Amino acid sequence: MAELEEPVRSEATHPSPDAAAAAPNTGDTVTVTLFAAARDAAGFREIELPAGSVNDVLGALLAASPPALARVLPVCSLLADGHRVSGTPTLTAGTVLHVLPPFAGG
């Protein structure tokens, strides 16, 4: 079974400074990593956003992203530290949220 690659953290993976300013790094952040069509729609692979409920984090993600992500996000699976999540559960500081669109062949 193939293993997933560890996400590469790079300043180049973040959106414009204006969008990143929507999520000041206070240490109470979650890392959102986007894959495949979600990454393409957002225009970046990874972003740090304020910790909060799944819905709050997704709202912040949409606010920091181009409108194209709003069309892809509803069909994506969300995994927080390897567990499927949605809605109101709280994502605490340090959580990694993976945004995975549907894909074929798996």
C-alpha atoms as a PDB file:
ATOM      1  CA  MET A   1       0.000   0.000   0.000  1.00  0.00           C
ATOM      2  CA  ALA A   2       1.428   3.394  -0.990  1.00  0.00           C
ATOM      3  CA  GLU A   3       2.009   5.948   1.721  1.00  0.00           C
ATOM      4  CA  LEU A   4       0.981   9.591   1.426  1.00  0.00           C
ATOM      5  CA  GLU A   5       3.758  12.119   1.169  1.00  0.00           C
ATOM      6  CA  GLU A   6       4.248  14.495   4.075  1.00  0.00           C
ATOM      7  CA  PRO A   7       3.043  17.981   3.022  1.00  0.00           C
ATOM      8  CA  VAL A   8       5.789  20.375   2.027  1.00  0.00           C
ATOM      9  CA  ARG A   9       5.645  23.603   4.011  1.00  0.00           C
ATOM     10  CA  SER A  10       6.700  26.616   2.052  1.00  0.00           C
ATOM     11  CA  GLU A  11       5.842  30.289   1.980  1.00  0.00           C
ATOM     12  CA  ALA A  12       5.188  29.774  -1.738  1.00  0.00           C
ATOM     13  CA  THR A  13       2.209  27.562  -0.896  1.00  0.00           C
ATOM     14  CA  HIS A  14       0.307  30.388   0.772  1.00  0.00           C
ATOM     15  CA  PRO A  15      -2.081  32.797  -0.936  1.00  0.00           C
ATOM     16  CA  SER A  16      -1.386  36.484  -1.384  1.00  0.00           C
ATOM     17  CA  PRO A  17      -0.347  38.535   1.654  1.00  0.00           C
ATOM     18  CA  ASP A  18      -3.839  40.084   1.767  1.00  0.00           C
ATOM     19  CA  ALA A  19      -5.497  36.674   2.047  1.00  0.00           C
ATOM     20  CA  ALA A  20      -2.919  35.409   4.540  1.00  0.00           C
ATOM     21  CA  ALA A  21      -3.551  38.496   6.688  1.00  0.00           C
ATOM     22  CA  ALA A  22      -7.039  37.118   7.305  1.00  0.00           C
ATOM     23  CA  ALA A  23      -5.355  34.458   9.466  1.00  0.00           C
ATOM     24  CA  PRO A  24      -2.744  36.032  11.735  1.00  0.00           C
ATOM     25  CA  ASN A  25      -0.389  33.445  13.205  1.00  0.00           C
ATOM     26  CA  THR A  26      -1.128  33.646  16.917  1.00  0.00           C
ATOM     27  CA  GLY A  27      -0.073  30.083  17.577  1.00  0.00           C
ATOM     28  CA  ASP A  28      -3.723  29.002  17.838  1.00  0.00           C
ATOM     29  CA  THR A  29      -3.879  27.798  14.261  1.00  0.00           C
ATOM     30  CA  VAL A  30      -4.669  24.694  12.275  1.00  0.00           C
ATOM     31  CA  THR A  31      -2.862  23.702   9.098  1.00  0.00           C
ATOM     32  CA  VAL A  32      -5.156  23.149   6.123  1.00  0.00           C
ATOM     33  CA  THR A  33      -3.622  21.106   3.308  1.00  0.00           C
ATOM     34  CA  LEU A  34      -5.443  20.899  -0.011  1.00  0.00           C
ATOM     35  CA  PHE A  35      -4.985  18.169  -2.595  1.00  0.00           C
ATOM     36  CA  ALA A  36      -5.655  17.737  -6.338  1.00  0.00           C
ATOM     37  CA  ALA A  37      -8.648  19.770  -7.625  1.00  0.00           C
ATOM     38  CA  ALA A  38      -9.029  21.573  -4.275  1.00  0.00           C
ATOM     39  CA  ARG A  39      -5.397  22.721  -4.445  1.00  0.00           C
ATOM     40  CA  ASP A  40      -5.859  23.797  -8.064  1.00  0.00           C
ATOM     41  CA  ALA A  41      -9.029  25.762  -7.241  1.00  0.00           C
ATOM     42  CA  ALA A  42      -7.448  27.478  -4.231  1.00  0.00           C
ATOM     43  CA  GLY A  43      -4.187  28.245  -5.981  1.00  0.00           C
ATOM     44  CA  PHE A  44      -2.129  27.050  -3.002  1.00  0.00           C
ATOM     45  CA  ARG A  45      -1.402  23.780  -1.217  1.00  0.00           C
ATOM     46  CA  GLU A  46      -1.336  24.793   2.435  1.00  0.00           C
ATOM     47  CA  ILE A  47      -2.481  27.595   4.725  1.00  0.00           C
ATOM     48  CA  GLU A  48      -2.519  28.265   8.465  1.00  0.00           C
ATOM     49  CA  LEU A  49      -5.930  29.397   9.767  1.00  0.00           C
ATOM     50  CA  PRO A  50      -7.338  30.173  13.226  1.00  0.00           C
ATOM     51  CA  ALA A  51      -8.429  27.117  15.205  1.00  0.00           C
ATOM     52  CA  GLY A  52     -12.187  26.704  15.684  1.00  0.00           C
ATOM     53  CA  SER A  53     -15.038  24.517  14.537  1.00  0.00           C
ATOM     54  CA  VAL A  54     -14.729  22.720  11.212  1.00  0.00           C
ATOM     55  CA  ASN A  55     -17.297  25.167   9.808  1.00  0.00           C
ATOM     56  CA  ASP A  56     -15.314  28.169  11.111  1.00  0.00           C
ATOM     57  CA  VAL A  57     -12.087  26.875   9.571  1.00  0.00           C
ATOM     58  CA  LEU A  58     -13.812  26.188   6.245  1.00  0.00           C
ATOM     59  CA  GLY A  59     -15.322  29.685   6.299  1.00  0.00           C
ATOM     60  CA  ALA A  60     -11.868  31.185   6.854  1.00  0.00           C
ATOM     61  CA  LEU A  61     -10.484  28.980   4.078  1.00  0.00           C
ATOM     62  CA  LEU A  62     -13.142  30.207   1.649  1.00  0.00           C
ATOM     63  CA  ALA A  63     -12.535  33.822   2.667  1.00  0.00           C
ATOM     64  CA  ALA A  64      -8.813  33.408   1.909  1.00  0.00           C
ATOM     65  CA  SER A  65      -9.368  31.617  -1.424  1.00  0.00           C
ATOM     66  CA  PRO A  66     -10.625  32.384  -4.917  1.00  0.00           C
ATOM     67  CA  PRO A  67     -14.331  31.685  -5.615  1.00  0.00           C
ATOM     68  CA  ALA A  68     -13.422  28.497  -7.520  1.00  0.00           C
ATOM     69  CA  LEU A  69     -12.784  26.676  -4.235  1.00  0.00           C
ATOM     70  CA  ALA A  70     -16.429  27.201  -3.194  1.00  0.00           C
ATOM     71  CA  ARG A  71     -17.461  24.997  -6.139  1.00  0.00           C
ATOM     72  CA  VAL A  72     -15.059  22.177  -5.206  1.00  0.00           C
ATOM     73  CA  LEU A  73     -15.242  22.183  -1.403  1.00  0.00           C
ATOM     74  CA  PRO A  74     -18.774  20.685  -1.033  1.00  0.00           C
ATOM     75  CA  VAL A  75     -17.675  17.399  -2.625  1.00  0.00           C
ATOM     76  CA  CYS A  76     -14.431  17.091  -0.652  1.00  0.00           C
ATOM     77  CA  SER A  77     -13.709  14.746   2.228  1.00  0.00           C
ATOM     78  CA  LEU A  78     -12.218  16.372   5.313  1.00  0.00           C
ATOM     79  CA  LEU A  79      -9.741  14.515   7.503  1.00  0.00           C
ATOM     80  CA  ALA A  80      -8.487  16.060  10.746  1.00  0.00           C
ATOM     81  CA  ASP A  81      -5.382  14.248  11.932  1.00  0.00           C
ATOM     82  CA  GLY A  82      -6.542  11.209   9.948  1.00  0.00           C
ATOM     83  CA  HIS A  83     -10.184  11.189  11.118  1.00  0.00           C
ATOM     84  CA  ARG A  84     -13.149  12.188   8.964  1.00  0.00           C
ATOM     85  CA  VAL A  85     -14.811  15.388  10.256  1.00  0.00           C
ATOM     86  CA  SER A  86     -17.549  17.872   9.347  1.00  0.00           C
ATOM     87  CA  GLY A  87     -19.684  20.579  10.909  1.00  0.00           C
ATOM     88  CA  THR A  88     -19.250  21.728  14.473  1.00  0.00           C
ATOM     89  CA  PRO A  89     -16.437  19.657  16.046  1.00  0.00           C
ATOM     90  CA  THR A  90     -13.607  21.908  17.192  1.00  0.00           C
ATOM     91  CA  LEU A  91     -10.247  21.734  15.493  1.00  0.00           C
ATOM     92  CA  THR A  92      -7.701  22.606  18.161  1.00  0.00           C
ATOM     93  CA  ALA A  93      -4.381  24.358  17.635  1.00  0.00           C
ATOM     94  CA  GLY A  94      -1.894  22.154  15.828  1.00  0.00           C
ATOM     95  CA  THR A  95      -4.526  20.056  14.021  1.00  0.00           C
ATOM     96  CA  VAL A  96      -3.848  19.222  10.374  1.00  0.00           C
ATOM     97  CA  LEU A  97      -6.976  19.304   8.199  1.00  0.00           C
ATOM     98  CA  HIS A  98      -6.671  17.574   4.820  1.00  0.00           C
ATOM     99  CA  VAL A  99      -9.106  18.619   2.085  1.00  0.00           C
ATOM    100  CA  LEU A 100      -9.454  15.719  -0.359  1.00  0.00           C
ATOM    101  CA  PRO A 101     -11.635  15.932  -3.460  1.00  0.00           C
ATOM    102  CA  PRO A 102     -13.039  12.725  -4.943  1.00  0.00           C
ATOM    103  CA  PHE A 103     -10.626  10.838  -7.140  1.00  0.00           C
ATOM    104  CA  ALA A 104     -10.812   7.766  -9.359  1.00  0.00           C
ATOM    105  CA  GLY A 105      -8.762   4.614  -9.306  1.00  0.00           C
ATOM    106  CA  GLY A 106      -8.517   4.102  -5.568  1.00  0.00           C
END
